[in-house]
């Protein structure tokens, strides 16, 4: 099990043990950890799943769920945990940053148009969104990096959202983003590349389903 850094520099387990009451302490106290740009990635012993544009730590007792476009490209990778589903994605952003503010406002409009109850909460990195629907609760976390935006989503039953959020924070805190040097339009999802073993497993499943 990996840990996440408290603002006082001490380590916590990702199961939420020893979590202080000021968990949402605001962006004015900048986190000491990640997410990291590839050029600033720490040389540590954290095991990360290499997906090309992002390298994610995988919590214990979690399963990988891959969302593949019918035409072939990987659309998203989710981590299924006992408390809910985690999704971490990276997008091309302008050099000036601040893309999360724009995306956040668009998410608010989209979620409310779908009937969700949406509220703001100040998180570790920036303002976050919490959306409640009839079936699930969602938390959206955004982190502006150098020419990239990292977006994390926790989805779970409302009673498990706090636990799911702590896992999401832990994953984001140890994530490494590889933006690449190629020019991309702003908001373009950074490409996801599956490890060969996982890609072969998915191909075999597709072939069996089509047989």
Protein backbone atom coordinates (compact mmCIF):
# COMPACT_ATOMS: atom_id res chain seq x y z
CA UNK A 1 0.00 0.00 0.00
CA UNK A 2 1.35 3.41 -0.89
CA UNK A 3 0.97 6.47 1.31
CA UNK A 4 0.14 10.13 0.81
CA UNK A 5 1.87 13.13 2.29
CA UNK A 6 0.22 15.30 4.87
CA UNK A 7 0.83 18.98 4.71
CA UNK A 8 3.09 18.68 7.75
CA UNK A 9 5.27 16.27 5.83
CA UNK A 10 4.28 13.09 7.66
CA UNK A 11 3.08 10.05 5.79
CA UNK A 12 -0.39 8.54 5.95
CA UNK A 13 -1.69 5.23 4.71
CA UNK A 14 -4.12 5.51 1.83
CA UNK A 15 -6.82 3.88 3.94
CA UNK A 16 -7.22 7.23 5.68
CA UNK A 17 -5.61 6.36 9.03
CA UNK A 18 -4.21 9.26 11.04
CA UNK A 19 -5.99 11.86 8.93
CA UNK A 20 -6.19 15.29 10.50
CA UNK A 21 -9.44 17.25 10.78
CA UNK A 22 -8.18 19.94 8.41
CA UNK A 23 -8.01 17.51 5.50
CA UNK A 24 -9.37 20.15 3.13
CA UNK A 25 -6.86 22.74 4.21
CA UNK A 26 -6.95 24.75 1.03
CA UNK A 27 -4.67 25.56 -1.85
CA UNK A 28 -2.91 28.31 0.10
CA UNK A 29 -0.79 25.61 1.73
CA UNK A 30 0.73 24.01 -1.35
CA UNK A 31 1.29 20.26 -1.25
CA UNK A 32 4.85 19.00 -1.03
CA UNK A 33 4.17 15.98 -3.21
CA UNK A 34 2.80 15.45 -6.68
CA UNK A 35 1.43 15.20 -9.16
CA UNK A 36 4.84 15.39 -10.78
CA UNK A 37 5.92 16.42 -14.23
CA UNK A 38 8.13 13.79 -15.85
CA UNK A 39 11.15 16.06 -15.51
CA UNK A 40 10.59 16.38 -11.76
CA UNK A 41 9.61 12.78 -11.02
CA UNK A 42 11.08 11.50 -7.76
CA UNK A 43 13.42 8.53 -7.65
CA UNK A 44 11.45 6.55 -5.12
CA UNK A 45 10.24 3.01 -4.56
CA UNK A 46 6.60 3.67 -5.44
CA UNK A 47 5.38 1.17 -8.02
CA UNK A 48 3.52 2.93 -10.81
CA UNK A 49 1.53 1.60 -13.75
CA UNK A 50 3.07 3.11 -16.89
CA UNK A 51 0.28 4.28 -19.21
CA UNK A 52 2.47 6.47 -21.39
CA UNK A 53 1.17 9.93 -20.60
CA UNK A 54 0.59 9.11 -16.92
CA UNK A 55 2.23 6.76 -14.46
CA UNK A 56 -0.22 5.81 -11.72
CA UNK A 57 0.26 4.09 -8.39
CA UNK A 58 -2.27 1.30 -7.97
CA UNK A 59 -3.86 0.86 -4.52
CA UNK A 60 -4.03 -2.58 -2.99
CA UNK A 61 -7.27 -4.50 -3.46
CA UNK A 62 -8.06 -2.57 -6.65
CA UNK A 63 -8.75 -3.74 -10.19
CA UNK A 64 -7.94 -2.12 -13.51
CA UNK A 65 -10.83 -1.35 -15.84
CA UNK A 66 -9.93 -0.26 -19.37
CA UNK A 67 -12.38 1.65 -21.56
CA UNK A 68 -11.51 1.08 -25.21
CA UNK A 69 -12.91 2.99 -28.15
CA UNK A 70 -14.51 0.74 -30.79
CA UNK A 71 -11.94 2.02 -33.28
CA UNK A 72 -9.04 0.95 -31.08
CA UNK A 73 -7.62 3.79 -28.95
CA UNK A 74 -7.87 3.55 -25.18
CA UNK A 75 -10.46 6.04 -23.96
CA UNK A 76 -9.88 5.81 -20.21
CA UNK A 77 -8.40 3.67 -17.47
CA UNK A 78 -10.25 3.29 -14.17
CA UNK A 79 -9.17 1.89 -10.82
CA UNK A 80 -11.95 -0.07 -9.13
CA UNK A 81 -11.48 0.00 -5.35
CA UNK A 82 -13.63 -1.28 -2.46
CA UNK A 83 -14.85 2.30 -1.81
CA UNK A 84 -15.49 3.33 -5.42
CA UNK A 85 -14.02 4.03 -8.84
CA UNK A 86 -11.04 6.31 -9.49
CA UNK A 87 -10.26 7.87 -12.86
CA UNK A 88 -7.16 9.97 -13.52
CA UNK A 89 -6.70 11.61 -16.94
CA UNK A 90 -4.26 14.13 -18.39
CA UNK A 91 -4.91 16.79 -21.03
CA UNK A 92 -2.83 19.24 -23.03
CA UNK A 93 -2.95 22.74 -21.54
CA UNK A 94 -1.61 26.19 -22.43
CA UNK A 95 1.67 27.41 -21.03
CA UNK A 96 -0.23 29.98 -18.98
CA UNK A 97 -2.04 27.24 -17.03
CA UNK A 98 -5.40 27.89 -15.32
CA UNK A 99 -7.22 25.42 -17.57
CA UNK A 100 -8.89 23.75 -14.60
CA UNK A 101 -10.89 26.89 -13.84
CA UNK A 102 -12.43 26.81 -17.32
CA UNK A 103 -13.03 23.06 -17.29
CA UNK A 104 -14.54 23.25 -13.81
CA UNK A 105 -17.14 25.79 -14.91
CA UNK A 106 -18.10 23.66 -17.91
CA UNK A 107 -18.43 20.62 -15.66
CA UNK A 108 -20.77 22.54 -13.36
CA UNK A 109 -23.05 23.43 -16.25
CA UNK A 110 -22.99 19.89 -17.64
CA UNK A 111 -23.64 18.21 -14.28
CA UNK A 112 -26.47 20.56 -13.37
CA UNK A 113 -28.08 20.08 -16.76
CA UNK A 114 -28.04 16.34 -15.99
CA UNK A 115 -29.88 17.01 -12.73
CA UNK A 116 -26.97 16.71 -10.30
CA UNK A 117 -26.65 18.77 -7.13
CA UNK A 118 -23.23 20.44 -7.45
CA UNK A 119 -21.19 22.30 -4.85
CA UNK A 120 -17.65 23.69 -4.55
CA UNK A 121 -15.16 22.55 -1.93
CA UNK A 122 -11.65 23.86 -1.39
CA UNK A 123 -9.25 20.94 -1.78
CA UNK A 124 -5.55 20.28 -1.45
CA UNK A 125 -4.59 21.62 -4.88
CA UNK A 126 -7.46 23.87 -5.95
CA UNK A 127 -11.22 24.25 -5.83
CA UNK A 128 -12.95 20.92 -6.36
CA UNK A 129 -16.46 19.90 -7.36
CA UNK A 130 -18.73 17.49 -5.55
CA UNK A 131 -21.80 16.30 -7.43
CA UNK A 132 -24.61 14.20 -6.00
CA UNK A 133 -26.99 12.26 -8.21
CA UNK A 134 -29.71 9.73 -7.46
CA UNK A 135 -27.30 6.84 -7.94
CA UNK A 136 -23.84 8.06 -7.02
CA UNK A 137 -21.64 10.86 -5.68
CA UNK A 138 -18.72 12.30 -7.62
CA UNK A 139 -15.70 14.39 -6.70
CA UNK A 140 -13.71 16.18 -9.42
CA UNK A 141 -10.13 17.26 -8.69
CA UNK A 142 -8.04 19.32 -11.10
CA UNK A 143 -4.33 20.14 -11.00
CA UNK A 144 -2.73 22.56 -13.48
CA UNK A 145 0.81 21.54 -14.40
CA UNK A 146 3.38 22.68 -16.98
CA UNK A 147 1.41 22.46 -20.24
CA UNK A 148 -0.87 19.78 -18.82
CA UNK A 149 -3.99 19.42 -16.73
CA UNK A 150 -4.49 16.40 -14.54
CA UNK A 151 -8.10 15.58 -13.69
CA UNK A 152 -9.10 13.02 -11.12
CA UNK A 153 -12.61 11.72 -10.48
CA UNK A 154 -13.85 9.67 -7.53
CA UNK A 155 -17.23 7.98 -8.02
CA UNK A 156 -18.91 6.07 -5.21
CA UNK A 157 -22.05 5.79 -3.09
CA UNK A 158 -22.43 8.97 -1.03
CA UNK A 159 -21.54 7.21 2.23
CA UNK A 160 -18.21 6.06 0.76
CA UNK A 161 -17.18 9.29 -0.97
CA UNK A 162 -14.83 10.44 1.81
CA UNK A 163 -12.91 7.17 1.72
CA UNK A 164 -12.86 7.20 -2.09
CA UNK A 165 -11.63 10.80 -2.06
CA UNK A 166 -8.71 9.93 0.21
CA UNK A 167 -7.68 7.20 -2.19
CA UNK A 168 -7.97 9.61 -5.13
CA UNK A 169 -5.78 12.15 -3.33
CA UNK A 170 -3.23 9.42 -2.63
CA UNK A 171 -3.13 8.37 -6.28
CA UNK A 172 -2.86 11.94 -7.59
CA UNK A 173 -0.14 12.77 -5.05
CA UNK A 174 2.08 10.03 -6.50
CA UNK A 175 1.15 10.35 -10.19
CA UNK A 176 3.74 11.32 -12.82
CA UNK A 177 2.61 13.10 -16.01
CA UNK A 178 4.52 12.84 -19.30
CA UNK A 179 3.18 15.61 -21.52
CA UNK A 180 5.59 14.87 -24.37
CA UNK A 181 7.07 17.53 -26.63
CA UNK A 182 4.66 17.33 -29.59
CA UNK A 183 2.36 20.33 -30.09
CA UNK A 184 -1.28 19.55 -29.25
CA UNK A 185 -4.45 21.59 -29.22
CA UNK A 186 -5.46 22.65 -25.74
CA UNK A 187 -7.75 20.10 -23.99
CA UNK A 188 -6.59 17.21 -26.15
CA UNK A 189 -6.47 14.07 -23.98
CA UNK A 190 -2.90 12.87 -23.65
CA UNK A 191 -2.67 9.42 -25.27
CA UNK A 192 -2.90 6.34 -23.05
CA UNK A 193 -0.62 3.42 -23.89
CA UNK A 194 -1.27 0.12 -22.18
CA UNK A 195 1.54 -2.17 -21.08
CA UNK A 196 1.99 -5.01 -23.56
CA UNK A 197 0.70 -7.69 -21.20
CA UNK A 198 -2.54 -5.80 -20.52
CA UNK A 199 -3.01 -4.90 -24.20
CA UNK A 200 -2.66 -8.56 -25.21
CA UNK A 201 -5.16 -9.63 -22.54
CA UNK A 202 -7.74 -7.12 -23.83
CA UNK A 203 -7.14 -8.22 -27.43
CA UNK A 204 -7.74 -11.84 -26.46
CA UNK A 205 -10.99 -10.90 -24.73
CA UNK A 206 -12.16 -8.99 -27.80
CA UNK A 207 -11.32 -11.90 -30.08
CA UNK A 208 -13.19 -14.33 -27.82
CA UNK A 209 -16.20 -12.02 -27.70
CA UNK A 210 -16.27 -11.74 -31.46
CA UNK A 211 -15.83 -15.46 -32.07
